[in-house]
Amino acid sequence: MADGVWLIYRTPYEGPTGILVWRLPDRSVLEWFQRVWGATADEDYFEGESDAYWWVTEHLAAELGGDVYGLSSLFAPDRTKGPGRDRHGPLPASTWQELGDLLDRELYVEGDPERNIRVDQHSVRAKTDDDEVDLAYFFVDDALPPVRNRQELWIVGPA
């Protein structure tokens, strides 16, 4: 197990470097998703899905140092996905493989989720766009080997 987790968000909206790097308090990527799922799960007191969605988006922005495009889709309620999406219990993933399956089903990315979402024991990598520019974000733990360039960051690790 690693000692910590990092968010790396590649977006031109983050100034001249185009990259936001943020340290997270969790020991593993899976642990971060489990913790944030629990922290955002109780939307019963909201009048509608829209209010809950914006609350989740603001919570994630505070947690991650900025708004990560599309990430709220996993944590916000979406009754259009049917009764199988229980936001009141724990994250329905207890392994990184189950997390990968959940993200393939629930996380919003432009394009084919199986091509644009990659999950392994030490990372979650998502590639998308906001109709204007390409974006990518990476949750990586300290056990992931260092990378030398942006292209390598996208392909590193098993897919």
Protein backbone atom coordinates (compact mmCIF):
# COMPACT_ATOMS: atom_id res chain seq x y z
CA MET A 1 0.00 0.00 0.00
CA ALA A 2 1.17 3.52 -0.74
CA ASP A 3 1.64 6.38 1.69
CA GLY A 4 -0.49 8.93 -0.13
CA VAL A 5 -2.51 9.92 -3.16
CA TRP A 6 -2.14 12.77 -5.63
CA LEU A 7 -4.58 14.35 -8.05
CA ILE A 8 -3.01 15.55 -11.27
CA TYR A 9 -5.45 17.49 -13.46
CA ARG A 10 -4.40 18.51 -16.95
CA THR A 11 -6.50 21.48 -18.05
CA PRO A 12 -5.67 24.76 -19.76
CA TYR A 13 -7.96 26.49 -17.27
CA GLU A 14 -5.30 26.08 -14.55
CA GLY A 15 -3.06 28.87 -15.79
CA PRO A 16 0.24 28.83 -17.64
CA THR A 17 1.30 25.33 -16.60
CA GLY A 18 -2.06 23.79 -17.49
CA ILE A 19 -1.72 21.36 -14.58
CA LEU A 20 -3.19 21.26 -11.09
CA VAL A 21 -1.41 18.96 -8.63
CA TRP A 22 -3.09 18.32 -5.28
CA ARG A 23 -2.11 16.06 -2.38
CA LEU A 24 -4.92 13.99 -0.85
CA PRO A 25 -4.98 12.60 2.70
CA ASP A 26 -5.79 9.00 1.80
CA ARG A 27 -3.42 6.01 1.63
CA SER A 28 -4.81 4.62 -1.64
CA VAL A 29 -6.84 5.76 -4.63
CA LEU A 30 -9.63 3.33 -3.72
CA GLU A 31 -9.67 4.73 -0.18
CA TRP A 32 -10.13 8.27 -1.55
CA PHE A 33 -13.12 7.21 -3.67
CA GLN A 34 -14.65 5.35 -0.71
CA ARG A 35 -14.21 8.32 1.65
CA VAL A 36 -15.61 10.90 -0.77
CA TRP A 37 -18.52 8.61 -1.67
CA GLY A 38 -19.48 8.53 2.02
CA ALA A 39 -19.00 12.28 2.44
CA THR A 40 -21.31 13.07 -0.49
CA ALA A 41 -23.89 10.31 -0.04
CA ASP A 42 -26.64 12.00 1.98
CA GLU A 43 -28.60 14.07 -0.48
CA ASP A 44 -32.01 13.47 1.16
CA TYR A 45 -32.17 17.03 2.47
CA PHE A 46 -31.95 18.56 -1.01
CA GLU A 47 -35.11 19.54 -2.83
CA GLY A 48 -33.92 18.23 -6.16
CA GLU A 49 -31.12 16.49 -7.99
CA SER A 50 -29.84 19.79 -9.33
CA ASP A 51 -29.27 21.17 -5.81
CA ALA A 52 -27.51 17.94 -4.78
CA TYR A 53 -25.38 17.97 -7.92
CA TRP A 54 -24.13 21.50 -7.26
CA TRP A 55 -23.46 20.69 -3.60
CA VAL A 56 -21.39 17.64 -4.65
CA THR A 57 -19.55 19.74 -7.25
CA GLU A 58 -18.66 22.38 -4.63
CA HIS A 59 -17.61 19.68 -2.13
CA LEU A 60 -15.28 18.11 -4.72
CA ALA A 61 -13.83 21.50 -5.71
CA ALA A 62 -12.97 22.19 -2.06
CA GLU A 63 -11.54 18.69 -1.66
CA LEU A 64 -9.44 18.83 -4.83
CA GLY A 65 -8.38 22.46 -5.06
CA GLY A 66 -10.61 23.18 -8.05
CA ASP A 67 -13.41 21.87 -10.23
CA VAL A 68 -12.48 18.63 -12.04
CA TYR A 69 -14.69 18.42 -15.10
CA GLY A 70 -17.06 15.43 -15.13
CA LEU A 71 -16.00 13.93 -11.80
CA SER A 72 -19.21 15.01 -10.05
CA SER A 73 -21.15 12.57 -12.23
CA LEU A 74 -19.93 9.69 -10.09
CA PHE A 75 -20.84 11.22 -6.73
CA ALA A 76 -24.02 13.16 -7.53
CA PRO A 77 -27.42 11.49 -7.54
CA ASP A 78 -28.81 10.45 -10.90
CA ARG A 79 -32.20 8.79 -10.74
CA THR A 80 -32.17 8.31 -14.51
CA LYS A 81 -29.67 5.48 -13.93
CA GLY A 82 -32.33 3.49 -12.07
CA PRO A 83 -32.67 1.95 -8.64
CA GLY A 84 -29.34 0.11 -8.85
CA ARG A 85 -27.50 3.28 -7.86
CA ASP A 86 -27.69 3.38 -4.07
CA ARG A 87 -26.03 6.56 -2.84
CA HIS A 88 -26.93 5.85 0.79
CA GLY A 89 -24.65 2.88 1.32
CA PRO A 90 -20.89 2.55 1.01
CA LEU A 91 -19.12 2.82 -2.33
CA PRO A 92 -20.14 -0.29 -4.27
CA ALA A 93 -16.50 -1.18 -4.85
CA SER A 94 -14.14 -2.80 -2.38
CA THR A 95 -11.33 -3.61 -4.85
CA TRP A 96 -9.65 -1.58 -7.55
CA GLN A 97 -11.18 -3.94 -10.16
CA GLU A 98 -14.69 -3.21 -8.85
CA LEU A 99 -13.85 0.51 -8.83
CA GLY A 100 -12.89 0.22 -12.50
CA ASP A 101 -16.22 -1.42 -13.32
CA LEU A 102 -18.11 1.26 -11.37
CA LEU A 103 -16.28 4.09 -13.12
CA ASP A 104 -16.90 2.51 -16.53
CA ARG A 105 -20.64 2.51 -15.73
CA GLU A 106 -21.04 5.78 -13.83
CA LEU A 107 -18.27 8.30 -14.55
CA TYR A 108 -18.96 10.86 -17.27
CA VAL A 109 -16.30 11.09 -19.96
CA GLU A 110 -16.61 12.06 -23.61
CA GLY A 111 -16.20 9.00 -25.77
CA ASP A 112 -15.97 5.33 -24.92
CA PRO A 113 -15.44 4.80 -21.16
CA GLU A 114 -13.46 1.62 -21.79
CA ARG A 115 -10.94 3.66 -23.83
CA ASN A 116 -11.01 6.83 -21.74
CA ILE A 117 -11.03 5.47 -18.19
CA ARG A 118 -8.16 3.33 -16.94
CA VAL A 119 -7.93 1.89 -13.47
CA ASP A 120 -5.26 -0.21 -11.85
CA GLN A 121 -4.12 -0.91 -8.31
CA HIS A 122 -2.27 2.42 -8.05
CA SER A 123 -4.19 4.83 -10.27
CA VAL A 124 -7.37 6.07 -11.87
CA ARG A 125 -6.88 7.91 -15.17
CA ALA A 126 -9.69 9.63 -17.04
CA LYS A 127 -9.50 11.43 -20.37
CA THR A 128 -12.35 13.62 -21.59
CA ASP A 129 -13.13 17.04 -23.06
CA ASP A 130 -15.50 19.87 -22.32
CA ASP A 131 -16.39 20.44 -26.00
CA GLU A 132 -13.66 23.10 -26.15
CA VAL A 133 -10.42 21.41 -25.07
CA ASP A 134 -9.06 18.00 -24.07
CA LEU A 135 -8.83 17.36 -20.33
CA ALA A 136 -7.40 14.53 -18.28
CA TYR A 137 -7.16 13.78 -14.60
CA PHE A 138 -5.19 11.21 -12.71
CA PHE A 139 -5.44 9.92 -9.17
CA VAL A 140 -2.13 8.24 -8.44
CA ASP A 141 -0.62 6.84 -5.29
CA ASP A 142 2.97 7.06 -4.17
CA ALA A 143 3.64 3.47 -5.28
CA LEU A 144 3.18 4.37 -8.97
CA PRO A 145 6.59 4.76 -10.64
CA PRO A 146 7.50 8.36 -11.55
CA VAL A 147 6.63 9.53 -15.05
CA ARG A 148 8.69 11.68 -17.36
CA ASN A 149 6.09 13.28 -19.63
CA ARG A 150 2.35 13.77 -20.16
CA GLN A 151 2.00 11.01 -22.73
CA GLU A 152 3.67 8.53 -20.40
CA LEU A 153 1.31 9.57 -17.60
CA TRP A 154 -1.64 8.54 -19.71
CA ILE A 155 -0.27 5.14 -20.72
CA VAL A 156 1.63 4.14 -17.58
CA GLY A 157 0.38 1.02 -15.82
CA PRO A 158 -1.82 -1.81 -17.02
CA ALA A 159 -4.96 -0.83 -18.89
